[in-house]
Amino acid sequence: MEICIDVHRALEERVETFIFFTGDGDFAPLYELLVGRSKQVIVVYEYYHLGREIFQIKRGIYKVAIETLEKKYGGLFSK
């Protein structure tokens, strides 16, 4: 909920680009709202962790898949 409030505040300040670090499909309506307002939307997500709802959005957002640090560097970041 806080992200939605922050986005609406940013819209009032005329922010043009939004970067989200989640592939959670629950955010698809928010992304679609921003695309509908001609905003640039970038979604950064971990490989194989993109919600179906976001995958189905074909226009207006950039989808960027990344590896986790753990996968890329092995036990270097383990507890």
N, C-alpha and C. Protein backbone atom coordinates (compact mmCIF):
# COMPACT_ATOMS: atom_id res chain seq x y z
N MET A 1 0.82 -1.20 0.00
CA MET A 1 0.00 0.00 0.00
C MET A 1 0.86 1.26 0.00
N GLU A 2 1.96 1.23 0.76
CA GLU A 2 2.82 2.41 0.82
C GLU A 2 3.43 2.75 -0.53
N ILE A 3 3.74 1.72 -1.32
CA ILE A 3 4.29 1.98 -2.65
C ILE A 3 3.29 2.75 -3.50
N CYS A 4 2.03 2.38 -3.43
CA CYS A 4 1.00 3.08 -4.21
C CYS A 4 0.90 4.54 -3.79
N ILE A 5 0.96 4.79 -2.49
CA ILE A 5 0.90 6.17 -2.00
C ILE A 5 2.11 6.95 -2.50
N ASP A 6 3.29 6.33 -2.42
CA ASP A 6 4.51 6.99 -2.91
C ASP A 6 4.43 7.29 -4.41
N VAL A 7 3.87 6.36 -5.17
CA VAL A 7 3.74 6.57 -6.61
C VAL A 7 2.80 7.74 -6.89
N HIS A 8 1.69 7.81 -6.19
CA HIS A 8 0.75 8.92 -6.42
C HIS A 8 1.39 10.26 -6.06
N ARG A 9 2.19 10.29 -4.99
CA ARG A 9 2.91 11.52 -4.66
C ARG A 9 3.90 11.88 -5.76
N ALA A 10 4.61 10.87 -6.29
CA ALA A 10 5.58 11.11 -7.35
C ALA A 10 4.89 11.61 -8.61
N LEU A 11 3.68 11.14 -8.88
CA LEU A 11 2.94 11.62 -10.04
C LEU A 11 2.62 13.10 -9.91
N GLU A 12 2.32 13.53 -8.70
CA GLU A 12 2.05 14.96 -8.48
C GLU A 12 3.30 15.79 -8.71
N GLU A 13 4.47 15.19 -8.50
CA GLU A 13 5.74 15.90 -8.70
C GLU A 13 6.27 15.73 -10.12
N ARG A 14 5.47 15.13 -10.97
CA ARG A 14 5.79 14.95 -12.40
C ARG A 14 6.99 14.04 -12.65
N VAL A 15 7.14 13.03 -11.85
CA VAL A 15 8.18 12.03 -12.09
C VAL A 15 7.83 11.27 -13.37
N GLU A 16 8.81 11.01 -14.22
CA GLU A 16 8.57 10.39 -15.52
C GLU A 16 8.94 8.91 -15.57
N THR A 17 9.88 8.47 -14.71
CA THR A 17 10.37 7.11 -14.75
C THR A 17 10.25 6.46 -13.38
N PHE A 18 9.76 5.23 -13.37
CA PHE A 18 9.60 4.47 -12.14
C PHE A 18 10.32 3.14 -12.29
N ILE A 19 11.14 2.79 -11.29
CA ILE A 19 11.86 1.52 -11.30
C ILE A 19 11.39 0.72 -10.10
N PHE A 20 10.93 -0.49 -10.36
CA PHE A 20 10.44 -1.37 -9.31
C PHE A 20 11.33 -2.61 -9.25
N PHE A 21 11.70 -3.01 -8.06
CA PHE A 21 12.52 -4.20 -7.87
C PHE A 21 11.65 -5.33 -7.35
N THR A 22 10.68 -5.71 -8.13
CA THR A 22 9.80 -6.82 -7.79
C THR A 22 9.08 -7.30 -9.05
N GLY A 23 8.95 -8.60 -9.15
CA GLY A 23 8.20 -9.19 -10.24
C GLY A 23 6.84 -9.68 -9.78
N ASP A 24 6.44 -9.26 -8.60
CA ASP A 24 5.18 -9.69 -8.00
C ASP A 24 4.00 -9.24 -8.86
N GLY A 25 3.19 -10.18 -9.26
CA GLY A 25 2.05 -9.89 -10.12
C GLY A 25 1.02 -8.95 -9.52
N ASP A 26 1.02 -8.80 -8.20
CA ASP A 26 0.06 -7.89 -7.56
C ASP A 26 0.28 -6.44 -7.97
N PHE A 27 1.47 -6.13 -8.49
CA PHE A 27 1.76 -4.76 -8.88
C PHE A 27 1.35 -4.45 -10.32
N ALA A 28 0.87 -5.43 -11.05
CA ALA A 28 0.50 -5.22 -12.45
C ALA A 28 -0.49 -4.06 -12.64
N PRO A 29 -1.54 -3.93 -11.83
CA PRO A 29 -2.46 -2.80 -12.03
C PRO A 29 -1.77 -1.44 -11.86
N LEU A 30 -0.81 -1.37 -10.94
CA LEU A 30 -0.07 -0.13 -10.75
C LEU A 30 0.79 0.17 -11.97
N TYR A 31 1.46 -0.84 -12.49
CA TYR A 31 2.28 -0.66 -13.69
C TYR A 31 1.42 -0.22 -14.86
N GLU A 32 0.26 -0.83 -15.01
CA GLU A 32 -0.64 -0.47 -16.10
C GLU A 32 -1.15 0.97 -15.97
N LEU A 33 -1.41 1.38 -14.74
CA LEU A 33 -1.84 2.77 -14.51
C LEU A 33 -0.75 3.73 -14.95
N LEU A 34 0.50 3.43 -14.60
CA LEU A 34 1.61 4.30 -14.97
C LEU A 34 1.84 4.32 -16.48
N VAL A 35 1.76 3.17 -17.10
CA VAL A 35 1.90 3.10 -18.56
C VAL A 35 0.79 3.91 -19.22
N GLY A 36 -0.42 3.81 -18.68
CA GLY A 36 -1.55 4.58 -19.21
C GLY A 36 -1.36 6.08 -19.09
N ARG A 37 -0.49 6.48 -18.17
CA ARG A 37 -0.18 7.91 -18.01
C ARG A 37 1.13 8.28 -18.71
N SER A 38 1.56 7.42 -19.60
CA SER A 38 2.77 7.64 -20.42
C SER A 38 4.04 7.77 -19.59
N LYS A 39 4.12 7.01 -18.51
CA LYS A 39 5.33 6.98 -17.69
C LYS A 39 6.19 5.80 -18.09
N GLN A 40 7.49 5.95 -17.91
CA GLN A 40 8.40 4.85 -18.19
C GLN A 40 8.44 3.96 -16.95
N VAL A 41 8.22 2.66 -17.14
CA VAL A 41 8.19 1.70 -16.04
C VAL A 41 9.24 0.63 -16.31
N ILE A 42 10.11 0.45 -15.35
CA ILE A 42 11.15 -0.58 -15.43
C ILE A 42 10.94 -1.54 -14.27
N VAL A 43 10.81 -2.82 -14.59
CA VAL A 43 10.59 -3.86 -13.57
C VAL A 43 11.83 -4.75 -13.54
N VAL A 44 12.51 -4.76 -12.41
CA VAL A 44 13.69 -5.59 -12.22
C VAL A 44 13.27 -6.77 -11.35
N TYR A 45 13.53 -7.98 -11.82
CA TYR A 45 13.10 -9.16 -11.09
C TYR A 45 14.14 -10.27 -11.20
N GLU A 46 14.07 -11.21 -10.29
CA GLU A 46 14.97 -12.36 -10.32
C GLU A 46 14.48 -13.34 -11.37
N TYR A 47 15.42 -13.97 -12.10
CA TYR A 47 15.04 -14.98 -13.09
C TYR A 47 13.99 -15.93 -12.52
N TYR A 48 12.98 -16.23 -13.32
CA TYR A 48 11.91 -17.17 -12.99
C TYR A 48 11.01 -16.68 -11.86
N HIS A 49 11.05 -15.41 -11.52
CA HIS A 49 10.20 -14.86 -10.47
C HIS A 49 9.44 -13.64 -10.98
N LEU A 50 8.85 -13.79 -12.14
CA LEU A 50 8.02 -12.74 -12.71
C LEU A 50 6.58 -13.22 -12.72
N GLY A 51 5.71 -12.46 -12.08
CA GLY A 51 4.29 -12.83 -12.02
C GLY A 51 3.66 -12.90 -13.40
N ARG A 52 2.76 -13.84 -13.55
CA ARG A 52 2.06 -14.05 -14.82
C ARG A 52 1.40 -12.75 -15.30
N GLU A 53 0.84 -11.99 -14.36
CA GLU A 53 0.14 -10.75 -14.72
C GLU A 53 1.09 -9.74 -15.36
N ILE A 54 2.32 -9.71 -14.88
CA ILE A 54 3.31 -8.78 -15.44
C ILE A 54 3.85 -9.33 -16.76
N PHE A 55 4.07 -10.61 -16.80
CA PHE A 55 4.54 -11.25 -18.04
C PHE A 55 3.58 -10.94 -19.19
N GLN A 56 2.29 -10.89 -18.89
CA GLN A 56 1.28 -10.67 -19.92
C GLN A 56 1.21 -9.23 -20.40
N ILE A 57 1.82 -8.30 -19.69
CA ILE A 57 1.86 -6.91 -20.16
C ILE A 57 2.90 -6.84 -21.27
N LYS A 58 2.46 -6.60 -22.47
CA LYS A 58 3.35 -6.67 -23.64
C LYS A 58 3.90 -5.32 -24.07
N ARG A 59 3.29 -4.23 -23.65
CA ARG A 59 3.75 -2.91 -24.09
C ARG A 59 3.86 -1.96 -22.92
N GLY A 60 4.87 -1.10 -23.01
CA GLY A 60 4.95 0.00 -22.06
C GLY A 60 5.86 -0.20 -20.87
N ILE A 61 6.30 -1.43 -20.60
CA ILE A 61 7.22 -1.62 -19.49
C ILE A 61 8.46 -2.37 -19.97
N TYR A 62 9.56 -2.09 -19.31
CA TYR A 62 10.81 -2.81 -19.56
C TYR A 62 10.97 -3.83 -18.45
N LYS A 63 11.20 -5.06 -18.83
CA LYS A 63 11.38 -6.14 -17.86
C LYS A 63 12.83 -6.57 -17.89
N VAL A 64 13.48 -6.52 -16.73
CA VAL A 64 14.90 -6.83 -16.63
C VAL A 64 15.10 -7.96 -15.62
N ALA A 65 15.55 -9.11 -16.10
CA ALA A 65 15.80 -10.25 -15.22
C ALA A 65 17.25 -10.22 -14.75
N ILE A 66 17.45 -10.48 -13.46
CA ILE A 66 18.80 -10.51 -12.90
C ILE A 66 19.00 -11.78 -12.09
N GLU A 67 20.26 -12.12 -11.87
CA GLU A 67 20.60 -13.22 -10.98
C GLU A 67 20.73 -12.65 -9.57
N THR A 68 20.48 -13.48 -8.57
CA THR A 68 20.73 -13.03 -7.21
C THR A 68 22.23 -13.06 -6.96
N LEU A 69 22.67 -12.29 -6.02
CA LEU A 69 24.10 -12.30 -5.67
C LEU A 69 24.53 -13.68 -5.20
N GLU A 70 23.64 -14.36 -4.50
CA GLU A 70 23.95 -15.69 -3.99
C GLU A 70 24.22 -16.66 -5.15
N LYS A 71 23.38 -16.62 -6.16
CA LYS A 71 23.55 -17.51 -7.30
C LYS A 71 24.81 -17.15 -8.10
N LYS A 72 25.05 -15.86 -8.23
CA LYS A 72 26.18 -15.42 -9.04
C LYS A 72 27.52 -15.66 -8.36
N TYR A 73 27.57 -15.45 -7.03
CA TYR A 73 28.85 -15.51 -6.33
C TYR A 73 28.94 -16.65 -5.32
N GLY A 74 27.97 -17.55 -5.34
CA GLY A 74 28.03 -18.71 -4.45
C GLY A 74 27.90 -18.34 -2.98
N GLY A 75 28.69 -18.98 -2.15
CA GLY A 75 28.60 -18.80 -0.70
C GLY A 75 29.17 -17.50 -0.17
N LEU A 76 29.62 -16.63 -1.05
CA LEU A 76 30.24 -15.39 -0.63
C LEU A 76 29.30 -14.54 0.22
N PHE A 77 27.99 -14.64 -0.02
CA PHE A 77 27.04 -13.81 0.70
C PHE A 77 26.20 -14.61 1.69
N SER A 78 26.59 -15.83 1.98
CA SER A 78 25.84 -16.66 2.92
C SER A 78 26.05 -16.17 4.34
N LYS A 79 25.09 -16.47 5.18
CA LYS A 79 25.17 -16.09 6.60
C LYS A 79 26.12 -17.00 7.34
